Amino acid sequence: MVISTKGNYDIGPVFAALADPTRRRIVETLHDHEVTVGALADELHLSAPTVSKHLTVLERAGLVFRQRDAQRRVCRLEPTGFASLAEWSRRYERFWAGNLEGLDDYLAELETDEAAR
């Protein structure tokens, strides 16, 4: 699956990777610190091979990095993948901000109407 944009980045793999709730849980777990595959499996109540398959998808999307530390496989988040997602989403900030400003105006109008009653 490829999501093309006008920018020079392809974030389709990032969206595909984050579409799965288990992979989002892995990302949340890795948010604060590095974790071994075994510790992830224990925390998520999954088998190590299942966690490894999810990590492979996250790695291919550029969101996770795994490295061997003696007999252990240590995982951490890879900031570059998230940077491309942030760059892509910044293109739509003006759209979001405009809609939020409109919502603020509407809520203020409702408060004024309510106070007048």
PDB file of N, CA and C in Angstrom:
ATOM      1  N   MET A   1       0.846  -1.182   0.000  1.00  0.00           N
ATOM      2  CA  MET A   1       0.000   0.000   0.000  1.00  0.00           C
ATOM      3  C   MET A   1       0.884   1.234   0.000  1.00  0.00           C
ATOM      4  N   VAL A   2       0.632   2.159  -0.892  1.00  0.00           N
ATOM      5  CA  VAL A   2       1.402   3.387  -0.981  1.00  0.00           C
ATOM      6  C   VAL A   2       0.440   4.562  -0.924  1.00  0.00           C
ATOM      7  N   ILE A   3       0.718   5.469  -0.008  1.00  0.00           N
ATOM      8  CA  ILE A   3      -0.059   6.706   0.071  1.00  0.00           C
ATOM      9  C   ILE A   3       0.835   7.791  -0.469  1.00  0.00           C
ATOM     10  N   SER A   4       0.508   8.302  -1.627  1.00  0.00           N
ATOM     11  CA  SER A   4       1.358   9.327  -2.223  1.00  0.00           C
ATOM     12  C   SER A   4       0.896  10.699  -1.769  1.00  0.00           C
ATOM     13  N   THR A   5       1.850  11.588  -1.654  1.00  0.00           N
ATOM     14  CA  THR A   5       1.569  12.963  -1.271  1.00  0.00           C
ATOM     15  C   THR A   5       2.358  13.866  -2.193  1.00  0.00           C
ATOM     16  N   LYS A   6       2.154  15.155  -2.052  1.00  0.00           N
ATOM     17  CA  LYS A   6       2.895  16.104  -2.867  1.00  0.00           C
ATOM     18  C   LYS A   6       4.312  16.291  -2.338  1.00  0.00           C
ATOM     19  N   GLY A   7       4.573  15.861  -1.101  1.00  0.00           N
ATOM     20  CA  GLY A   7       5.905  15.971  -0.528  1.00  0.00           C
ATOM     21  C   GLY A   7       6.816  14.871  -1.046  1.00  0.00           C
ATOM     22  N   ASN A   8       8.038  14.871  -0.585  1.00  0.00           N
ATOM     23  CA  ASN A   8       9.021  13.880  -1.007  1.00  0.00           C
ATOM     24  C   ASN A   8       9.110  12.730  -0.015  1.00  0.00           C
ATOM     25  N   TYR A   9       8.021  12.307   0.534  1.00  0.00           N
ATOM     26  CA  TYR A   9       8.046  11.233   1.517  1.00  0.00           C
ATOM     27  C   TYR A   9       6.859  10.323   1.293  1.00  0.00           C
ATOM     28  N   ASP A  10       7.069   9.073   1.666  1.00  0.00           N
ATOM     29  CA  ASP A  10       6.021   8.065   1.538  1.00  0.00           C
ATOM     30  C   ASP A  10       5.700   7.568   2.941  1.00  0.00           C
ATOM     31  N   ILE A  11       4.575   7.975   3.465  1.00  0.00           N
ATOM     32  CA  ILE A  11       4.213   7.593   4.825  1.00  0.00           C
ATOM     33  C   ILE A  11       3.205   6.453   4.858  1.00  0.00           C
ATOM     34  N   GLY A  12       2.919   5.870   3.702  1.00  0.00           N
ATOM     35  CA  GLY A  12       2.009   4.729   3.655  1.00  0.00           C
ATOM     36  C   GLY A  12       2.419   3.615   4.590  1.00  0.00           C
ATOM     37  N   PRO A  13       3.701   3.208   4.592  1.00  0.00           N
ATOM     38  CA  PRO A  13       4.116   2.151   5.521  1.00  0.00           C
ATOM     39  C   PRO A  13       3.935   2.537   6.991  1.00  0.00           C
ATOM     40  N   VAL A  14       4.086   3.818   7.296  1.00  0.00           N
ATOM     41  CA  VAL A  14       3.891   4.273   8.680  1.00  0.00           C
ATOM     42  C   VAL A  14       2.428   4.122   9.076  1.00  0.00           C
ATOM     43  N   PHE A  15       1.525   4.586   8.211  1.00  0.00           N
ATOM     44  CA  PHE A  15       0.097   4.436   8.499  1.00  0.00           C
ATOM     45  C   PHE A  15      -0.295   2.964   8.585  1.00  0.00           C
ATOM     46  N   ALA A  16       0.216   2.158   7.677  1.00  0.00           N
ATOM     47  CA  ALA A  16      -0.109   0.729   7.690  1.00  0.00           C
ATOM     48  C   ALA A  16       0.382   0.074   8.977  1.00  0.00           C
ATOM     49  N   ALA A  17       1.578   0.440   9.414  1.00  0.00           N
ATOM     50  CA  ALA A  17       2.126  -0.136  10.640  1.00  0.00           C
ATOM     51  C   ALA A  17       1.314   0.283  11.860  1.00  0.00           C
ATOM     52  N   LEU A  18       0.931   1.538  11.910  1.00  0.00           N
ATOM     53  CA  LEU A  18       0.208   2.051  13.083  1.00  0.00           C
ATOM     54  C   LEU A  18      -1.284   1.730  13.048  1.00  0.00           C
ATOM     55  N   ALA A  19      -1.763   1.153  11.962  1.00  0.00           N
ATOM     56  CA  ALA A  19      -3.182   0.790  11.873  1.00  0.00           C
ATOM     57  C   ALA A  19      -3.518  -0.365  12.806  1.00  0.00           C
ATOM     58  N   ASP A  20      -2.536  -1.150  13.168  1.00  0.00           N
ATOM     59  CA  ASP A  20      -2.771  -2.312  14.018  1.00  0.00           C
ATOM     60  C   ASP A  20      -2.677  -1.921  15.498  1.00  0.00           C
ATOM     61  N   PRO A  21      -3.676  -2.261  16.313  1.00  0.00           N
ATOM     62  CA  PRO A  21      -3.668  -1.862  17.725  1.00  0.00           C
ATOM     63  C   PRO A  21      -2.511  -2.472  18.518  1.00  0.00           C
ATOM     64  N   THR A  22      -2.085  -3.673  18.180  1.00  0.00           N
ATOM     65  CA  THR A  22      -0.956  -4.282  18.893  1.00  0.00           C
ATOM     66  C   THR A  22       0.315  -3.502  18.617  1.00  0.00           C
ATOM     67  N   ARG A  23       0.507  -3.089  17.373  1.00  0.00           N
ATOM     68  CA  ARG A  23       1.703  -2.307  17.056  1.00  0.00           C
ATOM     69  C   ARG A  23       1.660  -0.938  17.720  1.00  0.00           C
ATOM     70  N   ARG A  24       0.476  -0.355  17.836  1.00  0.00           N
ATOM     71  CA  ARG A  24       0.383   0.924  18.559  1.00  0.00           C
ATOM     72  C   ARG A  24       0.724   0.720  20.030  1.00  0.00           C
ATOM     73  N   ARG A  25       0.328  -0.404  20.602  1.00  0.00           N
ATOM     74  CA  ARG A  25       0.683  -0.705  22.000  1.00  0.00           C
ATOM     75  C   ARG A  25       2.190  -0.878  22.148  1.00  0.00           C
ATOM     76  N   ILE A  26       2.819  -1.490  21.167  1.00  0.00           N
ATOM     77  CA  ILE A  26       4.276  -1.638  21.196  1.00  0.00           C
ATOM     78  C   ILE A  26       4.941  -0.268  21.165  1.00  0.00           C
ATOM     79  N   VAL A  27       4.473   0.601  20.285  1.00  0.00           N
ATOM     80  CA  VAL A  27       5.026   1.954  20.201  1.00  0.00           C
ATOM     81  C   VAL A  27       4.850   2.671  21.527  1.00  0.00           C
ATOM     82  N   GLU A  28       3.674   2.565  22.131  1.00  0.00           N
ATOM     83  CA  GLU A  28       3.433   3.207  23.436  1.00  0.00           C
ATOM     84  C   GLU A  28       4.382   2.655  24.493  1.00  0.00           C
ATOM     85  N   THR A  29       4.616   1.362  24.474  1.00  0.00           N
ATOM     86  CA  THR A  29       5.507   0.734  25.455  1.00  0.00           C
ATOM     87  C   THR A  29       6.940   1.227  25.273  1.00  0.00           C
ATOM     88  N   LEU A  30       7.351   1.419  24.031  1.00  0.00           N
ATOM     89  CA  LEU A  30       8.720   1.854  23.746  1.00  0.00           C
ATOM     90  C   LEU A  30       8.905   3.361  23.887  1.00  0.00           C
ATOM     91  N   HIS A  31       7.835   4.071  24.144  1.00  0.00           N
ATOM     92  CA  HIS A  31       7.893   5.531  24.188  1.00  0.00           C
ATOM     93  C   HIS A  31       8.925   6.052  25.179  1.00  0.00           C
ATOM     94  N   ASP A  32       8.995   5.468  26.352  1.00  0.00           N
ATOM     95  CA  ASP A  32       9.843   6.010  27.411  1.00  0.00           C
ATOM     96  C   ASP A  32      11.219   5.362  27.530  1.00  0.00           C
ATOM     97  N   HIS A  33      11.368   4.146  27.011  1.00  0.00           N
ATOM     98  CA  HIS A  33      12.648   3.461  27.199  1.00  0.00           C
ATOM     99  C   HIS A  33      12.791   2.262  26.258  1.00  0.00           C
ATOM    100  N   GLU A  34      14.018   1.805  26.119  1.00  0.00           N
ATOM    101  CA  GLU A  34      14.277   0.609  25.332  1.00  0.00           C
ATOM    102  C   GLU A  34      13.745  -0.604  26.078  1.00  0.00           C
ATOM    103  N   VAL A  35      13.318  -1.611  25.330  1.00  0.00           N
ATOM    104  CA  VAL A  35      12.755  -2.826  25.920  1.00  0.00           C
ATOM    105  C   VAL A  35      13.227  -4.016  25.095  1.00  0.00           C
ATOM    106  N   THR A  36      13.441  -5.139  25.749  1.00  0.00           N
ATOM    107  CA  THR A  36      13.796  -6.355  25.012  1.00  0.00           C
ATOM    108  C   THR A  36      12.535  -6.976  24.421  1.00  0.00           C
ATOM    109  N   VAL A  37      12.726  -7.805  23.404  1.00  0.00           N
ATOM    110  CA  VAL A  37      11.588  -8.489  22.785  1.00  0.00           C
ATOM    111  C   VAL A  37      10.870  -9.338  23.820  1.00  0.00           C
ATOM    112  N   GLY A  38      11.631 -10.021  24.663  1.00  0.00           N
ATOM    113  CA  GLY A  38      11.022 -10.851  25.707  1.00  0.00           C
ATOM    114  C   GLY A  38      10.183 -10.047  26.682  1.00  0.00           C
ATOM    115  N   ALA A  39      10.701  -8.880  27.087  1.00  0.00           N
ATOM    116  CA  ALA A  39       9.943  -8.028  28.009  1.00  0.00           C
ATOM    117  C   ALA A  39       8.673  -7.509  27.343  1.00  0.00           C
ATOM    118  N   LEU A  40       8.757  -7.163  26.054  1.00  0.00           N
ATOM    119  CA  LEU A  40       7.562  -6.735  25.327  1.00  0.00           C
ATOM    120  C   LEU A  40       6.532  -7.856  25.280  1.00  0.00           C
ATOM    121  N   ALA A  41       7.001  -9.060  24.989  1.00  0.00           N
ATOM    122  CA  ALA A  41       6.096 -10.211  24.922  1.00  0.00           C
ATOM    123  C   ALA A  41       5.405 -10.420  26.263  1.00  0.00           C
ATOM    124  N   ASP A  42       6.173 -10.333  27.340  1.00  0.00           N
ATOM    125  CA  ASP A  42       5.582 -10.504  28.680  1.00  0.00           C
ATOM    126  C   ASP A  42       4.562  -9.412  28.982  1.00  0.00           C
ATOM    127  N   GLU A  43       4.941  -8.172  28.702  1.00  0.00           N
ATOM    128  CA  GLU A  43       4.060  -7.045  29.022  1.00  0.00           C
ATOM    129  C   GLU A  43       2.772  -7.073  28.210  1.00  0.00           C
ATOM    130  N   LEU A  44       2.857  -7.492  26.953  1.00  0.00           N
ATOM    131  CA  LEU A  44       1.694  -7.500  26.077  1.00  0.00           C
ATOM    132  C   LEU A  44       0.946  -8.829  26.088  1.00  0.00           C
ATOM    133  N   HIS A  45       1.472  -9.802  26.849  1.00  0.00           N
ATOM    134  CA  HIS A  45       0.865 -11.134  26.944  1.00  0.00           C
ATOM    135  C   HIS A  45       0.763 -11.793  25.569  1.00  0.00           C
ATOM    136  N   LEU A  46       1.872 -11.701  24.820  1.00  0.00           N
ATOM    137  CA  LEU A  46       1.961 -12.307  23.499  1.00  0.00           C
ATOM    138  C   LEU A  46       3.203 -13.187  23.448  1.00  0.00           C
ATOM    139  N   SER A  47       3.265 -14.062  22.464  1.00  0.00           N
ATOM    140  CA  SER A  47       4.467 -14.875  22.289  1.00  0.00           C
ATOM    141  C   SER A  47       5.574 -14.008  21.678  1.00  0.00           C
ATOM    142  N   ALA A  48       6.814 -14.390  21.929  1.00  0.00           N
ATOM    143  CA  ALA A  48       7.951 -13.661  21.362  1.00  0.00           C
ATOM    144  C   ALA A  48       7.912 -13.656  19.828  1.00  0.00           C
ATOM    145  N   PRO A  49       7.572 -14.784  19.161  1.00  0.00           N
ATOM    146  CA  PRO A  49       7.485 -14.729  17.695  1.00  0.00           C
ATOM    147  C   PRO A  49       6.414 -13.757  17.189  1.00  0.00           C
ATOM    148  N   THR A  50       5.297 -13.663  17.890  1.00  0.00           N
ATOM    149  CA  THR A  50       4.242 -12.722  17.493  1.00  0.00           C
ATOM    150  C   THR A  50       4.744 -11.289  17.622  1.00  0.00           C
ATOM    151  N   VAL A  51       5.395 -10.987  18.733  1.00  0.00           N
ATOM    152  CA  VAL A  51       5.945  -9.642  18.937  1.00  0.00           C
ATOM    153  C   VAL A  51       6.994  -9.355  17.876  1.00  0.00           C
ATOM    154  N   SER A  52       7.813 -10.340  17.562  1.00  0.00           N
ATOM    155  CA  SER A  52       8.851 -10.165  16.552  1.00  0.00           C
ATOM    156  C   SER A  52       8.258  -9.830  15.182  1.00  0.00           C
ATOM    157  N   LYS A  53       7.164 -10.486  14.828  1.00  0.00           N
ATOM    158  CA  LYS A  53       6.508 -10.182  13.547  1.00  0.00           C
ATOM    159  C   LYS A  53       6.005  -8.746  13.514  1.00  0.00           C
ATOM    160  N   HIS A  54       5.403  -8.302  14.615  1.00  0.00           N
ATOM    161  CA  HIS A  54       4.926  -6.913  14.684  1.00  0.00           C
ATOM    162  C   HIS A  54       6.102  -5.942  14.626  1.00  0.00           C
ATOM    163  N   LEU A  55       7.193  -6.279  15.303  1.00  0.00           N
ATOM    164  CA  LEU A  55       8.373  -5.412  15.283  1.00  0.00           C
ATOM    165  C   LEU A  55       8.962  -5.303  13.880  1.00  0.00           C
ATOM    166  N   THR A  56       8.898  -6.378  13.121  1.00  0.00           N
ATOM    167  CA  THR A  56       9.396  -6.344  11.750  1.00  0.00           C
ATOM    168  C   THR A  56       8.622  -5.328  10.918  1.00  0.00           C
ATOM    169  N   VAL A  57       7.307  -5.298  11.078  1.00  0.00           N
ATOM    170  CA  VAL A  57       6.483  -4.320  10.353  1.00  0.00           C
ATOM    171  C   VAL A  57       6.857  -2.903  10.787  1.00  0.00           C
ATOM    172  N   LEU A  58       7.017  -2.706  12.092  1.00  0.00           N
ATOM    173  CA  LEU A  58       7.382  -1.384  12.607  1.00  0.00           C
ATOM    174  C   LEU A  58       8.779  -0.974  12.132  1.00  0.00           C
ATOM    175  N   GLU A  59       9.680  -1.925  12.054  1.00  0.00           N
ATOM    176  CA  GLU A  59      11.033  -1.638  11.539  1.00  0.00           C
ATOM    177  C   GLU A  59      10.985  -1.216  10.078  1.00  0.00           C
ATOM    178  N   ARG A  60      10.244  -1.961   9.270  1.00  0.00           N
ATOM    179  CA  ARG A  60      10.147  -1.640   7.837  1.00  0.00           C
ATOM    180  C   ARG A  60       9.541  -0.263   7.611  1.00  0.00           C
ATOM    181  N   ALA A  61       8.679   0.154   8.525  1.00  0.00           N
ATOM    182  CA  ALA A  61       8.069   1.490   8.423  1.00  0.00           C
ATOM    183  C   ALA A  61       9.002   2.571   8.970  1.00  0.00           C
ATOM    184  N   GLY A  62      10.130   2.167   9.544  1.00  0.00           N
ATOM    185  CA  GLY A  62      11.089   3.132  10.075  1.00  0.00           C
ATOM    186  C   GLY A  62      10.732   3.669  11.440  1.00  0.00           C
ATOM    187  N   LEU A  63       9.876   2.959  12.173  1.00  0.00           N
ATOM    188  CA  LEU A  63       9.419   3.446  13.479  1.00  0.00           C
ATOM    189  C   LEU A  63      10.169   2.822  14.655  1.00  0.00           C
ATOM    190  N   VAL A  64      10.760   1.654  14.427  1.00  0.00           N
ATOM    191  CA  VAL A  64      11.430   0.923  15.510  1.00  0.00           C
ATOM    192  C   VAL A  64      12.787   0.447  15.012  1.00  0.00           C
ATOM    193  N   PHE A  65      13.743   0.400  15.933  1.00  0.00           N
ATOM    194  CA  PHE A  65      15.071  -0.126  15.646  1.00  0.00           C
ATOM    195  C   PHE A  65      15.355  -1.234  16.650  1.00  0.00           C
ATOM    196  N   ARG A  66      15.817  -2.392  16.153  1.00  0.00           N
ATOM    197  CA  ARG A  66      16.212  -3.508  17.025  1.00  0.00           C
ATOM    198  C   ARG A  66      17.704  -3.725  16.887  1.00  0.00           C
ATOM    199  N   GLN A  67      18.351  -3.972  18.015  1.00  0.00           N
ATOM    200  CA  GLN A  67      19.769  -4.308  17.967  1.00  0.00           C
ATOM    201  C   GLN A  67      20.058  -5.456  18.915  1.00  0.00           C
ATOM    202  N   ARG A  68      21.052  -6.218  18.563  1.00  0.00           N
ATOM    203  CA  ARG A  68      21.440  -7.367  19.375  1.00  0.00           C
ATOM    204  C   ARG A  68      22.379  -6.891  20.475  1.00  0.00           C
ATOM    205  N   ASP A  69      22.091  -7.297  21.684  1.00  0.00           N
ATOM    206  CA  ASP A  69      22.931  -6.996  22.849  1.00  0.00           C
ATOM    207  C   ASP A  69      23.213  -8.335  23.520  1.00  0.00           C
ATOM    208  N   ALA A  70      24.340  -8.953  23.146  1.00  0.00           N
ATOM    209  CA  ALA A  70      24.671 -10.315  23.584  1.00  0.00           C
ATOM    210  C   ALA A  70      23.569 -11.263  23.112  1.00  0.00           C
ATOM    211  N   GLN A  71      22.833 -11.877  24.028  1.00  0.00           N
ATOM    212  CA  GLN A  71      21.759 -12.804  23.667  1.00  0.00           C
ATOM    213  C   GLN A  71      20.402 -12.130  23.558  1.00  0.00           C
ATOM    214  N   ARG A  72      20.351 -10.870  23.879  1.00  0.00           N
ATOM    215  CA  ARG A  72      19.062 -10.161  23.894  1.00  0.00           C
ATOM    216  C   ARG A  72      18.891  -9.311  22.650  1.00  0.00           C
ATOM    217  N   ARG A  73      17.633  -9.087  22.278  1.00  0.00           N
ATOM    218  CA  ARG A  73      17.282  -8.147  21.212  1.00  0.00           C
ATOM    219  C   ARG A  73      16.619  -6.951  21.871  1.00  0.00           C
ATOM    220  N   VAL A  74      17.264  -5.801  21.804  1.00  0.00           N
ATOM    221  CA  VAL A  74      16.746  -4.589  22.432  1.00  0.00           C
ATOM    222  C   VAL A  74      16.079  -3.734  21.363  1.00  0.00           C
ATOM    223  N   CYS A  75      14.888  -3.206  21.689  1.00  0.00           N
ATOM    224  CA  CYS A  75      14.100  -2.402  20.744  1.00  0.00           C
ATOM    225  C   CYS A  75      13.967  -0.986  21.278  1.00  0.00           C
ATOM    226  N   ARG A  76      13.981  -0.057  20.348  1.00  0.00           N
ATOM    227  CA  ARG A  76      13.734   1.342  20.705  1.00  0.00           C
ATOM    228  C   ARG A  76      13.016   2.016  19.551  1.00  0.00           C
ATOM    229  N   LEU A  77      12.392   3.139  19.852  1.00  0.00           N
ATOM    230  CA  LEU A  77      11.730   3.898  18.790  1.00  0.00           C
ATOM    231  C   LEU A  77      12.780   4.573  17.919  1.00  0.00           C
ATOM    232  N   GLU A  78      12.461   4.716  16.664  1.00  0.00           N
ATOM    233  CA  GLU A  78      13.330   5.379  15.693  1.00  0.00           C
ATOM    234  C   GLU A  78      12.682   6.714  15.340  1.00  0.00           C
ATOM    235  N   PRO A  79      13.262   7.824  15.791  1.00  0.00           N
ATOM    236  CA  PRO A  79      12.616   9.125  15.604  1.00  0.00           C
ATOM    237  C   PRO A  79      12.377   9.522  14.145  1.00  0.00           C
ATOM    238  N   THR A  80      13.186   9.032  13.222  1.00  0.00           N
ATOM    239  CA  THR A  80      13.055   9.448  11.826  1.00  0.00           C
ATOM    240  C   THR A  80      11.691   9.120  11.244  1.00  0.00           C
ATOM    241  N   GLY A  81      11.174   7.941  11.538  1.00  0.00           N
ATOM    242  CA  GLY A  81       9.861   7.554  11.025  1.00  0.00           C
ATOM    243  C   GLY A  81       8.759   8.456  11.534  1.00  0.00           C
ATOM    244  N   PHE A  82       8.871   8.842  12.787  1.00  0.00           N
ATOM    245  CA  PHE A  82       7.870   9.726  13.366  1.00  0.00           C
ATOM    246  C   PHE A  82       8.031  11.148  12.829  1.00  0.00           C
ATOM    247  N   ALA A  83       9.258  11.525  12.491  1.00  0.00           N
ATOM    248  CA  ALA A  83       9.490  12.857  11.922  1.00  0.00           C
ATOM    249  C   ALA A  83       8.790  12.983  10.575  1.00  0.00           C
ATOM    250  N   SER A  84       8.838  11.925   9.761  1.00  0.00           N
ATOM    251  CA  SER A  84       8.162  12.008   8.462  1.00  0.00           C
ATOM    252  C   SER A  84       6.653  12.102   8.644  1.00  0.00           C
ATOM    253  N   LEU A  85       6.120  11.415   9.647  1.00  0.00           N
ATOM    254  CA  LEU A  85       4.689  11.506   9.946  1.00  0.00           C
ATOM    255  C   LEU A  85       4.329  12.921  10.402  1.00  0.00           C
ATOM    256  N   ALA A  86       5.168  13.487  11.266  1.00  0.00           N
ATOM    257  CA  ALA A  86       4.920  14.855  11.746  1.00  0.00           C
ATOM    258  C   ALA A  86       4.993  15.853  10.600  1.00  0.00           C
ATOM    259  N   GLU A  87       5.979  15.670   9.713  1.00  0.00           N
ATOM    260  CA  GLU A  87       6.112  16.565   8.559  1.00  0.00           C
ATOM    261  C   GLU A  87       4.873  16.495   7.669  1.00  0.00           C
ATOM    262  N   TRP A  88       4.393  15.291   7.441  1.00  0.00           N
ATOM    263  CA  TRP A  88       3.198  15.116   6.617  1.00  0.00           C
ATOM    264  C   TRP A  88       1.989  15.782   7.270  1.00  0.00           C
ATOM    265  N   SER A  89       1.826  15.586   8.578  1.00  0.00           N
ATOM    266  CA  SER A  89       0.644  16.127   9.252  1.00  0.00           C
ATOM    267  C   SER A  89       0.677  17.648   9.366  1.00  0.00           C
ATOM    268  N   ARG A  90       1.878  18.227   9.377  1.00  0.00           N
ATOM    269  CA  ARG A  90       1.976  19.696   9.434  1.00  0.00           C
ATOM    270  C   ARG A  90       1.322  20.357   8.229  1.00  0.00           C
ATOM    271  N   ARG A  91       1.263  19.634   7.117  1.00  0.00           N
ATOM    272  CA  ARG A  91       0.619  20.187   5.920  1.00  0.00           C
ATOM    273  C   ARG A  91      -0.858  20.485   6.182  1.00  0.00           C
ATOM    274  N   TYR A  92      -1.451  19.828   7.168  1.00  0.00           N
ATOM    275  CA  TYR A  92      -2.887  19.964   7.419  1.00  0.00           C
ATOM    276  C   TYR A  92      -3.197  20.785   8.667  1.00  0.00           C
ATOM    277  N   GLU A  93      -2.178  21.334   9.312  1.00  0.00           N
ATOM    278  CA  GLU A  93      -2.397  22.127  10.520  1.00  0.00           C
ATOM    279  C   GLU A  93      -3.307  23.320  10.269  1.00  0.00           C
ATOM    280  N   ARG A  94      -3.113  23.987   9.154  1.00  0.00           N
ATOM    281  CA  ARG A  94      -3.933  25.162   8.832  1.00  0.00           C
ATOM    282  C   ARG A  94      -5.404  24.756   8.726  1.00  0.00           C
ATOM    283  N   PHE A  95      -5.649  23.594   8.136  1.00  0.00           N
ATOM    284  CA  PHE A  95      -7.013  23.077   8.027  1.00  0.00           C
ATOM    285  C   PHE A  95      -7.599  22.827   9.410  1.00  0.00           C
ATOM    286  N   TRP A  96      -6.825  22.137  10.275  1.00  0.00           N
ATOM    287  CA  TRP A  96      -7.310  21.845  11.632  1.00  0.00           C
ATOM    288  C   TRP A  96      -7.528  23.134  12.414  1.00  0.00           C
ATOM    289  N   ALA A  97      -6.538  24.031  12.338  1.00  0.00           N
ATOM    290  CA  ALA A  97      -6.629  25.278  13.101  1.00  0.00           C
ATOM    291  C   ALA A  97      -7.848  26.084  12.664  1.00  0.00           C
ATOM    292  N   GLY A  98      -8.102  26.129  11.370  1.00  0.00           N
ATOM    293  CA  GLY A  98      -9.270  26.860  10.881  1.00  0.00           C
ATOM    294  C   GLY A  98     -10.557  26.273  11.406  1.00  0.00           C
ATOM    295  N   ASN A  99     -10.658  24.958  11.418  1.00  0.00           N
ATOM    296  CA  ASN A  99     -11.864  24.317  11.928  1.00  0.00           C
ATOM    297  C   ASN A  99     -12.009  24.517  13.431  1.00  0.00           C
ATOM    298  N   LEU A 100     -10.902  24.495  14.149  1.00  0.00           N
ATOM    299  CA  LEU A 100     -10.968  24.700  15.601  1.00  0.00           C
ATOM    300  C   LEU A 100     -11.347  26.135  15.935  1.00  0.00           C
ATOM    301  N   GLU A 101     -10.838  27.091  15.149  1.00  0.00           N
ATOM    302  CA  GLU A 101     -11.229  28.485  15.366  1.00  0.00           C
ATOM    303  C   GLU A 101     -12.715  28.658  15.122  1.00  0.00           C
ATOM    304  N   GLY A 102     -13.240  28.026  14.082  1.00  0.00           N
ATOM    305  CA  GLY A 102     -14.673  28.079  13.798  1.00  0.00           C
ATOM    306  C   GLY A 102     -15.478  27.478  14.934  1.00  0.00           C
ATOM    307  N   LEU A 103     -14.981  26.400  15.514  1.00  0.00           N
ATOM    308  CA  LEU A 103     -15.646  25.779  16.657  1.00  0.00           C
ATOM    309  C   LEU A 103     -15.632  26.716  17.858  1.00  0.00           C
ATOM    310  N   ASP A 104     -14.492  27.366  18.101  1.00  0.00           N
ATOM    311  CA  ASP A 104     -14.405  28.339  19.198  1.00  0.00           C
ATOM    312  C   ASP A 104     -15.434  29.455  19.023  1.00  0.00           C
ATOM    313  N   ASP A 105     -15.547  29.962  17.799  1.00  0.00           N
ATOM    314  CA  ASP A 105     -16.514  31.034  17.525  1.00  0.00           C
ATOM    315  C   ASP A 105     -17.941  30.548  17.784  1.00  0.00           C
ATOM    316  N   TYR A 106     -18.237  29.341  17.334  1.00  0.00           N
ATOM    317  CA  TYR A 106     -19.566  28.773  17.509  1.00  0.00           C
ATOM    318  C   TYR A 106     -19.887  28.582  18.997  1.00  0.00           C
ATOM    319  N   LEU A 107     -18.927  28.065  19.760  1.00  0.00           N
ATOM    320  CA  LEU A 107     -19.146  27.865  21.201  1.00  0.00           C
ATOM    321  C   LEU A 107     -19.334  29.195  21.923  1.00  0.00           C
ATOM    322  N   ALA A 108     -18.577  30.203  21.530  1.00  0.00           N
ATOM    323  CA  ALA A 108     -18.735  31.528  22.131  1.00  0.00           C
ATOM    324  C   ALA A 108     -20.123  32.082  21.826  1.00  0.00           C
ATOM    325  N   GLU A 109     -20.587  31.864  20.601  1.00  0.00           N
ATOM    326  CA  GLU A 109     -21.923  32.308  20.211  1.00  0.00           C
ATOM    327  C   GLU A 109     -22.991  31.589  21.038  1.00  0.00           C
ATOM    328  N   LEU A 110     -22.834  30.312  21.262  1.00  0.00           N
ATOM    329  CA  LEU A 110     -23.785  29.569  22.098  1.00  0.00           C
ATOM    330  C   LEU A 110     -23.796  30.072  23.521  1.00  0.00           C
ATOM    331  N   GLU A 111     -22.623  30.392  24.067  1.00  0.00           N
ATOM    332  CA  GLU A 111     -22.552  30.920  25.428  1.00  0.00           C
ATOM    333  C   GLU A 111     -23.245  32.270  25.513  1.00  0.00           C
ATOM    334  N   THR A 112     -23.085  33.102  24.495  1.00  0.00           N
ATOM    335  CA  THR A 112     -23.725  34.418  24.473  1.00  0.00           C
ATOM    336  C   THR A 112     -25.241  34.255  24.416  1.00  0.00           C
ATOM    337  N   ASP A 113     -25.720  33.354  23.571  1.00  0.00           N
ATOM    338  CA  ASP A 113     -27.158  33.095  23.467  1.00  0.00           C
ATOM    339  C   ASP A 113     -27.705  32.559  24.793  1.00  0.00           C
ATOM    340  N   GLU A 114     -26.954  31.684  25.423  1.00  0.00           N
ATOM    341  CA  GLU A 114     -27.393  31.088  26.691  1.00  0.00           C
ATOM    342  C   GLU A 114     -27.447  32.146  27.785  1.00  0.00           C
ATOM    343  N   ALA A 115     -26.466  33.044  27.811  1.00  0.00           N
ATOM    344  CA  ALA A 115     -26.428  34.102  28.815  1.00  0.00           C
ATOM    345  C   ALA A 115     -27.570  35.102  28.602  1.00  0.00           C
ATOM    346  N   ALA A 116     -27.986  35.297  27.368  1.00  0.00           N
ATOM    347  CA  ALA A 116     -29.059  36.252  27.073  1.00  0.00           C
ATOM    348  C   ALA A 116     -30.414  35.739  27.519  1.00  0.00           C
ATOM    349  N   ARG A 117     -30.544  34.462  27.708  1.00  0.00           N
ATOM    350  CA  ARG A 117     -31.850  33.895  28.102  1.00  0.00           C
ATOM    351  C   ARG A 117     -32.164  34.128  29.529  1.00  0.00           C
TER     352      ARG A 117
END
